[in-house]
Amino acid sequence: MSLTPAIVRDALFVALGIFTLGYLIVVLSAVRRRGAAGENVKTPFNISLTSFVANFFDTLGVGSFATTTSAFRYWRMVPDERIPGTLNIGYALPTIAEAFIYTGIVPVDPKTLVLMIGAAILGAWLGAGVVSGWSRRKVQIGMGVTLLGFAVLLIASQLKVTPVGGTALKLTGTMLYVGLIGNFALGAIMTIGIGLYAPCLILVSMLGMNPTAAFPIMMGSCAFLMPLASVRFIRSGSFEPKALVGMMFAGIPGVLIAAFIVKKLPLTALQWLVVAVVTYTAINLLRAARRSQQIAAAATSAETQPAAP
């Protein structure tokens, strides 16, 4: 029996359903176990509103991680060192909903889709194992640098500097290998708290694919890698439990409204706003990391001073 696109799609749906069930069991257990130990989240409405808005625009291709990071820091909802884990765990469910929708309606070569998803999963599993053990300062530096990179990609896209893509719905030969390496790297970077969508869209366009093919690739990649990465963040305790429920369930209506009612919006002005907000947040993260370094250096210097007679 040949592997037709329909068979591969159905197999992905079954696998994604299994991943989703396992994810829910692990996450809800972690929330019950660590809920009382979380930060005092005083703004559950802000968290739910942020999730709804971010996932609405995420479904339209803007991305949710960078904008949510900015909101978390502006309202001081989640400590910096817990942002990457909280994003990957909290937004897995809305992203899974996106994957079910777009994998079913956007055609793409099944071999290309499965291999690209697999590469992103491997990258995320390895990346989460590293990031989950980072200190606050390392997370600030990592997020600051990658947010600046994200802003550069958005600017390039807005100025039409990046390739507009071709008509291909599959990758073969060298292009396939380049795509797998690229998606592996994007999966790893995503665990720092930077979304995969915009970079993946640029990647597949550079490889000559139809940009619409990026939607099942990027959404399918995230839908599988986020539950797996979540396990590592949960094991290390690198997440904010009291923020998760609002993020998980408020994001799903945003996805459904964007996918089935709105479908498309003129997003040029919004994306320039995202560039400004993300750049501001990145600079603040890097400044916070520098202050942490200066404080640590001052404390070390004080400890080494001879005691007064």
C-alpha atoms as a PDB file:
ATOM      1  CA  MET A   1       0.000   0.000   0.000  1.00  0.00           C
ATOM      2  CA  SER A   2       1.465   3.361  -1.036  1.00  0.00           C
ATOM      3  CA  LEU A   3       1.643   6.201   1.460  1.00  0.00           C
ATOM      4  CA  THR A   4      -0.784   8.698   0.031  1.00  0.00           C
ATOM      5  CA  PRO A   5      -1.015  12.244   1.431  1.00  0.00           C
ATOM      6  CA  ALA A   6      -4.334  11.321   3.071  1.00  0.00           C
ATOM      7  CA  ILE A   7      -2.815   8.313   4.876  1.00  0.00           C
ATOM      8  CA  VAL A   8       0.170  10.336   6.084  1.00  0.00           C
ATOM      9  CA  ARG A   9      -2.114  13.134   7.232  1.00  0.00           C
ATOM     10  CA  ASP A  10      -4.338  10.731   9.146  1.00  0.00           C
ATOM     11  CA  ALA A  11      -1.278   9.095  10.742  1.00  0.00           C
ATOM     12  CA  LEU A  12      -0.022  12.513  11.818  1.00  0.00           C
ATOM     13  CA  PHE A  13      -3.436  13.283  13.309  1.00  0.00           C
ATOM     14  CA  VAL A  14      -3.405  10.042  15.309  1.00  0.00           C
ATOM     15  CA  ALA A  15       0.149  10.689  16.531  1.00  0.00           C
ATOM     16  CA  LEU A  16      -0.735  14.270  17.402  1.00  0.00           C
ATOM     17  CA  GLY A  17      -3.770  13.075  19.341  1.00  0.00           C
ATOM     18  CA  ILE A  18      -1.547  10.727  21.369  1.00  0.00           C
ATOM     19  CA  PHE A  19       0.942  13.541  21.990  1.00  0.00           C
ATOM     20  CA  THR A  20      -1.895  15.824  23.078  1.00  0.00           C
ATOM     21  CA  LEU A  21      -3.296  13.307  25.558  1.00  0.00           C
ATOM     22  CA  GLY A  22       0.136  12.664  27.072  1.00  0.00           C
ATOM     23  CA  TYR A  23       0.823  16.407  27.222  1.00  0.00           C
ATOM     24  CA  LEU A  24      -2.443  17.129  29.054  1.00  0.00           C
ATOM     25  CA  ILE A  25      -1.819  14.393  31.614  1.00  0.00           C
ATOM     26  CA  VAL A  26       1.708  15.617  32.351  1.00  0.00           C
ATOM     27  CA  VAL A  27       0.847  19.336  32.422  1.00  0.00           C
ATOM     28  CA  LEU A  28      -2.321  19.135  34.512  1.00  0.00           C
ATOM     29  CA  SER A  29      -0.494  16.905  36.984  1.00  0.00           C
ATOM     30  CA  ALA A  30       2.351  19.437  37.181  1.00  0.00           C
ATOM     31  CA  VAL A  31      -0.089  22.330  37.703  1.00  0.00           C
ATOM     32  CA  ARG A  32      -1.808  20.505  40.569  1.00  0.00           C
ATOM     33  CA  ARG A  33       1.522  19.544  42.104  1.00  0.00           C
ATOM     34  CA  ARG A  34       3.245  22.918  41.792  1.00  0.00           C
ATOM     35  CA  GLY A  35       0.336  25.349  41.682  1.00  0.00           C
ATOM     36  CA  ALA A  36       0.750  26.472  45.262  1.00  0.00           C
ATOM     37  CA  ALA A  37       4.471  26.976  44.734  1.00  0.00           C
ATOM     38  CA  GLY A  38       4.072  29.327  41.763  1.00  0.00           C
ATOM     39  CA  GLU A  39       4.511  33.054  41.708  1.00  0.00           C
ATOM     40  CA  ASN A  40       1.621  35.205  42.937  1.00  0.00           C
ATOM     41  CA  VAL A  41       0.023  35.823  39.555  1.00  0.00           C
ATOM     42  CA  LYS A  42      -2.284  38.778  40.219  1.00  0.00           C
ATOM     43  CA  THR A  43      -3.378  39.309  36.635  1.00  0.00           C
ATOM     44  CA  PRO A  44      -5.118  36.154  35.357  1.00  0.00           C
ATOM     45  CA  PHE A  45      -7.291  38.302  33.086  1.00  0.00           C
ATOM     46  CA  ASN A  46      -4.193  39.860  31.507  1.00  0.00           C
ATOM     47  CA  ILE A  47      -2.732  36.403  30.940  1.00  0.00           C
ATOM     48  CA  SER A  48      -5.926  35.118  29.305  1.00  0.00           C
ATOM     49  CA  LEU A  49      -6.300  38.257  27.196  1.00  0.00           C
ATOM     50  CA  THR A  50      -2.666  38.068  26.109  1.00  0.00           C
ATOM     51  CA  SER A  51      -3.114  34.426  25.112  1.00  0.00           C
ATOM     52  CA  PHE A  52      -6.315  35.105  23.159  1.00  0.00           C
ATOM     53  CA  VAL A  53      -4.828  38.019  21.198  1.00  0.00           C
ATOM     54  CA  ALA A  54      -1.417  36.412  20.656  1.00  0.00           C
ATOM     55  CA  ASN A  55      -2.877  33.142  19.374  1.00  0.00           C
ATOM     56  CA  PHE A  56      -5.383  34.961  17.161  1.00  0.00           C
ATOM     57  CA  PHE A  57      -2.523  36.694  15.330  1.00  0.00           C
ATOM     58  CA  ASP A  58      -0.355  33.586  15.588  1.00  0.00           C
ATOM     59  CA  THR A  59      -2.901  31.716  13.476  1.00  0.00           C
ATOM     60  CA  LEU A  60      -2.633  34.441  10.840  1.00  0.00           C
ATOM     61  CA  GLY A  61       1.156  34.014  10.757  1.00  0.00           C
ATOM     62  CA  VAL A  62       2.415  36.835  12.998  1.00  0.00           C
ATOM     63  CA  GLY A  63       3.701  34.561  15.783  1.00  0.00           C
ATOM     64  CA  SER A  64       2.886  34.504  19.485  1.00  0.00           C
ATOM     65  CA  PHE A  65       6.107  34.003  21.446  1.00  0.00           C
ATOM     66  CA  ALA A  66       7.776  37.367  20.863  1.00  0.00           C
ATOM     67  CA  THR A  67       4.616  39.390  21.520  1.00  0.00           C
ATOM     68  CA  THR A  68       3.768  37.370  24.634  1.00  0.00           C
ATOM     69  CA  THR A  69       7.298  37.801  25.982  1.00  0.00           C
ATOM     70  CA  SER A  70       6.843  41.553  25.665  1.00  0.00           C
ATOM     71  CA  ALA A  71       3.499  41.383  27.499  1.00  0.00           C
ATOM     72  CA  PHE A  72       4.906  39.172  30.257  1.00  0.00           C
ATOM     73  CA  ARG A  73       7.722  41.613  30.922  1.00  0.00           C
ATOM     74  CA  TYR A  74       5.556  44.742  30.658  1.00  0.00           C
ATOM     75  CA  TRP A  75       3.005  43.456  33.197  1.00  0.00           C
ATOM     76  CA  ARG A  76       5.633  41.485  35.157  1.00  0.00           C
ATOM     77  CA  MET A  77       3.512  38.368  34.943  1.00  0.00           C
ATOM     78  CA  VAL A  78       6.279  35.739  34.687  1.00  0.00           C
ATOM     79  CA  PRO A  79       9.914  35.861  35.884  1.00  0.00           C
ATOM     80  CA  ASP A  80      12.376  36.081  32.997  1.00  0.00           C
ATOM     81  CA  GLU A  81      13.998  32.707  33.644  1.00  0.00           C
ATOM     82  CA  ARG A  82      10.582  30.988  33.484  1.00  0.00           C
ATOM     83  CA  ILE A  83       9.345  32.627  30.278  1.00  0.00           C
ATOM     84  CA  PRO A  84      10.733  30.059  27.754  1.00  0.00           C
ATOM     85  CA  GLY A  85       9.238  27.084  29.602  1.00  0.00           C
ATOM     86  CA  THR A  86       5.938  28.852  30.269  1.00  0.00           C
ATOM     87  CA  LEU A  87       5.565  29.773  26.587  1.00  0.00           C
ATOM     88  CA  ASN A  88       6.321  26.282  25.311  1.00  0.00           C
ATOM     89  CA  ILE A  89       4.015  24.599  27.834  1.00  0.00           C
ATOM     90  CA  GLY A  90       1.209  27.179  27.867  1.00  0.00           C
ATOM     91  CA  TYR A  91       0.851  27.609  24.106  1.00  0.00           C
ATOM     92  CA  ALA A  92       1.140  23.943  23.115  1.00  0.00           C
ATOM     93  CA  LEU A  93      -2.630  23.359  23.131  1.00  0.00           C
ATOM     94  CA  PRO A  94      -3.578  26.330  20.889  1.00  0.00           C
ATOM     95  CA  THR A  95      -0.737  25.376  18.531  1.00  0.00           C
ATOM     96  CA  ILE A  96      -2.003  21.802  18.353  1.00  0.00           C
ATOM     97  CA  ALA A  97      -5.404  23.200  17.344  1.00  0.00           C
ATOM     98  CA  GLU A  98      -3.701  25.201  14.563  1.00  0.00           C
ATOM     99  CA  ALA A  99      -1.872  22.094  13.351  1.00  0.00           C
ATOM    100  CA  PHE A 100      -5.077  20.045  13.121  1.00  0.00           C
ATOM    101  CA  ILE A 101      -6.726  22.821  11.098  1.00  0.00           C
ATOM    102  CA  TYR A 102      -3.952  23.694   8.638  1.00  0.00           C
ATOM    103  CA  THR A 103      -2.532  20.207   8.091  1.00  0.00           C
ATOM    104  CA  GLY A 104      -5.966  19.223   6.868  1.00  0.00           C
ATOM    105  CA  ILE A 105      -6.574  22.140   4.475  1.00  0.00           C
ATOM    106  CA  VAL A 106      -3.140  23.101   3.077  1.00  0.00           C
ATOM    107  CA  PRO A 107      -1.502  20.594   0.683  1.00  0.00           C
ATOM    108  CA  VAL A 108       2.190  19.753   1.109  1.00  0.00           C
ATOM    109  CA  ASP A 109       4.321  16.738   0.182  1.00  0.00           C
ATOM    110  CA  PRO A 110       3.913  14.174   3.001  1.00  0.00           C
ATOM    111  CA  LYS A 111       7.586  13.131   3.036  1.00  0.00           C
ATOM    112  CA  THR A 112       8.738  16.742   3.285  1.00  0.00           C
ATOM    113  CA  LEU A 113       6.194  17.461   6.013  1.00  0.00           C
ATOM    114  CA  VAL A 114       7.107  14.454   8.176  1.00  0.00           C
ATOM    115  CA  LEU A 115      10.870  14.941   7.863  1.00  0.00           C
ATOM    116  CA  MET A 116      10.688  18.686   8.590  1.00  0.00           C
ATOM    117  CA  ILE A 117       8.540  18.020  11.662  1.00  0.00           C
ATOM    118  CA  GLY A 118      10.947  15.325  12.842  1.00  0.00           C
ATOM    119  CA  ALA A 119      13.941  17.650  12.486  1.00  0.00           C
ATOM    120  CA  ALA A 120      12.230  20.364  14.536  1.00  0.00           C
ATOM    121  CA  ILE A 121      11.270  17.859  17.253  1.00  0.00           C
ATOM    122  CA  LEU A 122      14.871  16.660  17.603  1.00  0.00           C
ATOM    123  CA  GLY A 123      16.153  20.230  17.774  1.00  0.00           C
ATOM    124  CA  ALA A 124      13.601  21.182  20.431  1.00  0.00           C
ATOM    125  CA  TRP A 125      14.296  18.120  22.584  1.00  0.00           C
ATOM    126  CA  LEU A 126      17.999  18.894  22.662  1.00  0.00           C
ATOM    127  CA  GLY A 127      17.446  22.644  23.042  1.00  0.00           C
ATOM    128  CA  ALA A 128      14.988  22.303  25.931  1.00  0.00           C
ATOM    129  CA  GLY A 129      17.481  20.151  27.804  1.00  0.00           C
ATOM    130  CA  VAL A 130      19.962  23.033  27.657  1.00  0.00           C
ATOM    131  CA  VAL A 131      17.659  26.027  28.186  1.00  0.00           C
ATOM    132  CA  SER A 132      15.751  24.479  31.106  1.00  0.00           C
ATOM    133  CA  GLY A 133      18.932  24.589  33.180  1.00  0.00           C
ATOM    134  CA  TRP A 134      19.898  28.186  32.350  1.00  0.00           C
ATOM    135  CA  SER A 135      20.147  30.919  34.956  1.00  0.00           C
ATOM    136  CA  ARG A 136      18.039  34.076  34.734  1.00  0.00           C
ATOM    137  CA  ARG A 137      20.936  36.011  33.174  1.00  0.00           C
ATOM    138  CA  LYS A 138      21.557  33.384  30.483  1.00  0.00           C
ATOM    139  CA  VAL A 139      17.856  33.346  29.613  1.00  0.00           C
ATOM    140  CA  GLN A 140      17.842  37.157  29.398  1.00  0.00           C
ATOM    141  CA  ILE A 141      20.831  37.165  27.068  1.00  0.00           C
ATOM    142  CA  GLY A 142      19.485  34.302  24.941  1.00  0.00           C
ATOM    143  CA  MET A 143      16.035  35.845  24.600  1.00  0.00           C
ATOM    144  CA  GLY A 144      17.413  39.333  24.007  1.00  0.00           C
ATOM    145  CA  VAL A 145      19.701  38.239  21.180  1.00  0.00           C
ATOM    146  CA  THR A 146      17.133  36.004  19.497  1.00  0.00           C
ATOM    147  CA  LEU A 147      14.402  38.642  19.810  1.00  0.00           C
ATOM    148  CA  LEU A 148      16.668  41.105  18.002  1.00  0.00           C
ATOM    149  CA  GLY A 149      17.184  38.456  15.317  1.00  0.00           C
ATOM    150  CA  PHE A 150      13.412  38.004  15.096  1.00  0.00           C
ATOM    151  CA  ALA A 151      12.969  41.773  14.669  1.00  0.00           C
ATOM    152  CA  VAL A 152      15.538  41.778  11.853  1.00  0.00           C
ATOM    153  CA  LEU A 153      13.651  38.971  10.089  1.00  0.00           C
ATOM    154  CA  LEU A 154      10.372  40.873  10.391  1.00  0.00           C
ATOM    155  CA  ILE A 155      11.954  44.035   9.013  1.00  0.00           C
ATOM    156  CA  ALA A 156      13.441  42.093   6.096  1.00  0.00           C
ATOM    157  CA  SER A 157      10.049  40.563   5.403  1.00  0.00           C
ATOM    158  CA  GLN A 158       8.293  43.925   5.559  1.00  0.00           C
ATOM    159  CA  LEU A 159      10.820  45.490   3.195  1.00  0.00           C
ATOM    160  CA  LYS A 160      10.480  42.515   0.798  1.00  0.00           C
ATOM    161  CA  VAL A 161      14.162  41.699   1.187  1.00  0.00           C
ATOM    162  CA  THR A 162      13.521  38.019   1.894  1.00  0.00           C
ATOM    163  CA  PRO A 163      12.543  35.645  -0.953  1.00  0.00           C
ATOM    164  CA  VAL A 164       8.842  35.560  -1.799  1.00  0.00           C
ATOM    165  CA  GLY A 165       8.997  31.837  -2.479  1.00  0.00           C
ATOM    166  CA  GLY A 166       8.151  29.649  -5.445  1.00  0.00           C
ATOM    167  CA  THR A 167       5.459  27.151  -6.317  1.00  0.00           C
ATOM    168  CA  ALA A 168       6.954  23.888  -5.025  1.00  0.00           C
ATOM    169  CA  LEU A 169       5.085  21.832  -2.426  1.00  0.00           C
ATOM    170  CA  LYS A 170       7.997  19.464  -1.742  1.00  0.00           C
ATOM    171  CA  LEU A 171      11.745  19.483  -1.124  1.00  0.00           C
ATOM    172  CA  THR A 172      14.196  17.017  -2.649  1.00  0.00           C
ATOM    173  CA  GLY A 173      17.947  16.440  -2.717  1.00  0.00           C
ATOM    174  CA  THR A 174      20.166  19.193  -1.355  1.00  0.00           C
ATOM    175  CA  MET A 175      17.234  21.505  -0.700  1.00  0.00           C
ATOM    176  CA  LEU A 176      15.638  18.889   1.542  1.00  0.00           C
ATOM    177  CA  TYR A 177      18.841  18.494   3.574  1.00  0.00           C
ATOM    178  CA  VAL A 178      19.157  22.260   3.943  1.00  0.00           C
ATOM    179  CA  GLY A 179      15.532  22.434   5.048  1.00  0.00           C
ATOM    180  CA  LEU A 180      16.041  19.705   7.657  1.00  0.00           C
ATOM    181  CA  ILE A 181      19.133  21.393   9.092  1.00  0.00           C
ATOM    182  CA  GLY A 182      17.315  24.716   9.159  1.00  0.00           C
ATOM    183  CA  ASN A 183      14.225  23.356  10.885  1.00  0.00           C
ATOM    184  CA  PHE A 184      16.392  21.479  13.389  1.00  0.00           C
ATOM    185  CA  ALA A 185      18.040  24.795  14.315  1.00  0.00           C
ATOM    186  CA  LEU A 186      14.673  26.571  14.497  1.00  0.00           C
ATOM    187  CA  GLY A 187      13.300  23.884  16.804  1.00  0.00           C
ATOM    188  CA  ALA A 188      16.262  24.346  19.142  1.00  0.00           C
ATOM    189  CA  ILE A 189      15.998  28.147  19.101  1.00  0.00           C
ATOM    190  CA  MET A 190      12.275  27.967  19.819  1.00  0.00           C
ATOM    191  CA  THR A 191      12.988  26.582  23.282  1.00  0.00           C
ATOM    192  CA  ILE A 192      14.643  29.905  24.179  1.00  0.00           C
ATOM    193  CA  GLY A 193      11.200  31.467  23.865  1.00  0.00           C
ATOM    194  CA  ILE A 194      11.319  32.695  20.265  1.00  0.00           C
ATOM    195  CA  GLY A 195       8.666  31.498  17.839  1.00  0.00           C
ATOM    196  CA  LEU A 196       9.366  29.308  14.822  1.00  0.00           C
ATOM    197  CA  TYR A 197       6.755  30.723  12.454  1.00  0.00           C
ATOM    198  CA  ALA A 198       8.428  33.749  10.858  1.00  0.00           C
ATOM    199  CA  PRO A 199      11.850  32.083  10.447  1.00  0.00           C
ATOM    200  CA  CYS A 200      10.242  28.909   9.046  1.00  0.00           C
ATOM    201  CA  LEU A 201       8.235  30.926   6.529  1.00  0.00           C
ATOM    202  CA  ILE A 202      11.436  32.594   5.347  1.00  0.00           C
ATOM    203  CA  LEU A 203      13.273  29.252   5.265  1.00  0.00           C
ATOM    204  CA  VAL A 204      10.762  27.472   3.024  1.00  0.00           C
ATOM    205  CA  SER A 205      10.511  30.541   0.781  1.00  0.00           C
ATOM    206  CA  MET A 206      14.297  30.608   0.361  1.00  0.00           C
ATOM    207  CA  LEU A 207      14.140  26.938  -0.635  1.00  0.00           C
ATOM    208  CA  GLY A 208      11.654  27.710  -3.405  1.00  0.00           C
ATOM    209  CA  MET A 209       8.506  26.380  -1.773  1.00  0.00           C
ATOM    210  CA  ASN A 210       5.084  27.959  -1.914  1.00  0.00           C
ATOM    211  CA  PRO A 211       4.823  30.107   1.259  1.00  0.00           C
ATOM    212  CA  THR A 212       1.441  28.557   2.071  1.00  0.00           C
ATOM    213  CA  ALA A 213       3.264  25.225   2.486  1.00  0.00           C
ATOM    214  CA  ALA A 214       4.970  26.755   5.516  1.00  0.00           C
ATOM    215  CA  PHE A 215       1.735  26.711   7.507  1.00  0.00           C
ATOM    216  CA  PRO A 216       1.367  22.932   7.983  1.00  0.00           C
ATOM    217  CA  ILE A 217       5.169  22.610   8.318  1.00  0.00           C
ATOM    218  CA  MET A 218       5.584  25.290  10.968  1.00  0.00           C
ATOM    219  CA  MET A 219       2.364  24.538  12.834  1.00  0.00           C
ATOM    220  CA  GLY A 220       2.922  20.778  12.687  1.00  0.00           C
ATOM    221  CA  SER A 221       6.514  21.213  13.873  1.00  0.00           C
ATOM    222  CA  CYS A 222       5.455  23.330  16.838  1.00  0.00           C
ATOM    223  CA  ALA A 223       2.496  21.091  17.698  1.00  0.00           C
ATOM    224  CA  PHE A 224       4.789  18.077  18.090  1.00  0.00           C
ATOM    225  CA  LEU A 225       7.879  19.734  19.531  1.00  0.00           C
ATOM    226  CA  MET A 226       6.154  21.843  22.192  1.00  0.00           C
ATOM    227  CA  PRO A 227       4.668  18.893  24.144  1.00  0.00           C
ATOM    228  CA  LEU A 228       8.049  17.130  24.059  1.00  0.00           C
ATOM    229  CA  ALA A 229       9.959  20.245  25.097  1.00  0.00           C
ATOM    230  CA  SER A 230       7.365  20.780  27.827  1.00  0.00           C
ATOM    231  CA  VAL A 231       8.406  17.539  29.509  1.00  0.00           C
ATOM    232  CA  ARG A 232      11.943  18.824  29.987  1.00  0.00           C
ATOM    233  CA  PHE A 233      10.818  22.210  31.264  1.00  0.00           C
ATOM    234  CA  ILE A 234       8.398  20.533  33.688  1.00  0.00           C
ATOM    235  CA  ARG A 235      11.095  18.185  34.993  1.00  0.00           C
ATOM    236  CA  SER A 236      13.376  21.127  35.765  1.00  0.00           C
ATOM    237  CA  GLY A 237      10.564  23.300  37.178  1.00  0.00           C
ATOM    238  CA  SER A 238      11.378  26.071  34.678  1.00  0.00           C
ATOM    239  CA  PHE A 239       7.822  27.365  34.208  1.00  0.00           C
ATOM    240  CA  GLU A 240       5.158  29.413  35.966  1.00  0.00           C
ATOM    241  CA  PRO A 241       2.293  27.018  36.854  1.00  0.00           C
ATOM    242  CA  LYS A 242      -0.272  29.688  37.715  1.00  0.00           C
ATOM    243  CA  ALA A 243      -0.045  31.177  34.217  1.00  0.00           C
ATOM    244  CA  LEU A 244      -0.628  27.956  32.292  1.00  0.00           C
ATOM    245  CA  VAL A 245      -4.391  27.388  32.464  1.00  0.00           C
ATOM    246  CA  GLY A 246      -5.252  30.866  31.174  1.00  0.00           C
ATOM    247  CA  MET A 247      -2.694  30.524  28.381  1.00  0.00           C
ATOM    248  CA  MET A 248      -3.821  27.044  27.327  1.00  0.00           C
ATOM    249  CA  PHE A 249      -7.552  27.575  27.154  1.00  0.00           C
ATOM    250  CA  ALA A 250      -7.928  31.281  26.288  1.00  0.00           C
ATOM    251  CA  GLY A 251      -5.753  30.801  23.211  1.00  0.00           C
ATOM    252  CA  ILE A 252      -7.993  28.213  21.544  1.00  0.00           C
ATOM    253  CA  PRO A 253     -10.936  30.592  20.821  1.00  0.00           C
ATOM    254  CA  GLY A 254      -8.435  33.022  19.293  1.00  0.00           C
ATOM    255  CA  VAL A 255      -7.200  30.263  16.974  1.00  0.00           C
ATOM    256  CA  LEU A 256     -10.703  29.223  15.914  1.00  0.00           C
ATOM    257  CA  ILE A 257     -11.890  32.780  15.240  1.00  0.00           C
ATOM    258  CA  ALA A 258      -8.799  33.573  13.159  1.00  0.00           C
ATOM    259  CA  ALA A 259      -8.883  30.306  11.184  1.00  0.00           C
ATOM    260  CA  PHE A 260     -12.602  30.019  10.410  1.00  0.00           C
ATOM    261  CA  ILE A 261     -14.078  33.538  10.668  1.00  0.00           C
ATOM    262  CA  VAL A 262     -11.432  36.191   9.993  1.00  0.00           C
ATOM    263  CA  LYS A 263      -9.056  34.020   7.875  1.00  0.00           C
ATOM    264  CA  LYS A 264      -6.990  36.962   6.620  1.00  0.00           C
ATOM    265  CA  LEU A 265      -6.162  40.509   7.700  1.00  0.00           C
ATOM    266  CA  PRO A 266      -3.924  43.327   6.400  1.00  0.00           C
ATOM    267  CA  LEU A 267      -1.128  42.883   8.944  1.00  0.00           C
ATOM    268  CA  THR A 268       1.506  45.335   7.690  1.00  0.00           C
ATOM    269  CA  ALA A 269       0.931  48.006  10.342  1.00  0.00           C
ATOM    270  CA  LEU A 270       0.651  45.381  13.081  1.00  0.00           C
ATOM    271  CA  GLN A 271       3.941  43.775  12.091  1.00  0.00           C
ATOM    272  CA  TRP A 272       5.756  47.124  12.272  1.00  0.00           C
ATOM    273  CA  LEU A 273       4.283  47.566  15.756  1.00  0.00           C
ATOM    274  CA  VAL A 274       5.530  44.092  16.658  1.00  0.00           C
ATOM    275  CA  VAL A 275       9.008  45.062  15.416  1.00  0.00           C
ATOM    276  CA  ALA A 276       9.035  48.109  17.708  1.00  0.00           C
ATOM    277  CA  VAL A 277       7.729  46.228  20.751  1.00  0.00           C
ATOM    278  CA  VAL A 278      10.051  43.253  20.269  1.00  0.00           C
ATOM    279  CA  THR A 279      13.107  45.465  19.790  1.00  0.00           C
ATOM    280  CA  TYR A 280      12.271  47.404  22.950  1.00  0.00           C
ATOM    281  CA  THR A 281      11.831  44.154  24.904  1.00  0.00           C
ATOM    282  CA  ALA A 282      15.090  42.706  23.562  1.00  0.00           C
ATOM    283  CA  ILE A 283      17.050  45.781  24.592  1.00  0.00           C
ATOM    284  CA  ASN A 284      15.492  45.711  28.072  1.00  0.00           C
ATOM    285  CA  LEU A 285      16.369  42.024  28.467  1.00  0.00           C
ATOM    286  CA  LEU A 286      19.997  42.661  27.516  1.00  0.00           C
ATOM    287  CA  ARG A 287      20.163  45.647  29.855  1.00  0.00           C
ATOM    288  CA  ALA A 288      18.731  43.525  32.683  1.00  0.00           C
ATOM    289  CA  ALA A 289      21.369  40.861  31.999  1.00  0.00           C
ATOM    290  CA  ARG A 290      24.093  43.524  32.120  1.00  0.00           C
ATOM    291  CA  ARG A 291      22.785  44.860  35.438  1.00  0.00           C
ATOM    292  CA  SER A 292      22.788  41.319  36.862  1.00  0.00           C
ATOM    293  CA  GLN A 293      26.408  40.933  35.809  1.00  0.00           C
ATOM    294  CA  GLN A 294      27.376  44.262  37.408  1.00  0.00           C
ATOM    295  CA  ILE A 295      25.615  43.367  40.664  1.00  0.00           C
ATOM    296  CA  ALA A 296      27.312  39.965  40.764  1.00  0.00           C
ATOM    297  CA  ALA A 297      30.702  41.565  40.074  1.00  0.00           C
ATOM    298  CA  ALA A 298      30.170  44.136  42.835  1.00  0.00           C
ATOM    299  CA  ALA A 299      29.192  41.407  45.326  1.00  0.00           C
ATOM    300  CA  THR A 300      32.264  39.351  44.420  1.00  0.00           C
ATOM    301  CA  SER A 301      34.498  42.398  44.820  1.00  0.00           C
ATOM    302  CA  ALA A 302      33.024  43.157  48.243  1.00  0.00           C
ATOM    303  CA  GLU A 303      33.628  39.599  49.422  1.00  0.00           C
ATOM    304  CA  THR A 304      37.289  39.760  48.426  1.00  0.00           C
ATOM    305  CA  GLN A 305      37.984  43.075  50.235  1.00  0.00           C
ATOM    306  CA  PRO A 306      40.012  42.664  53.446  1.00  0.00           C
ATOM    307  CA  ALA A 307      38.046  43.131  56.617  1.00  0.00           C
ATOM    308  CA  ALA A 308      38.492  46.475  58.409  1.00  0.00           C
ATOM    309  CA  PRO A 309      40.795  46.303  61.454  1.00  0.00           C
END
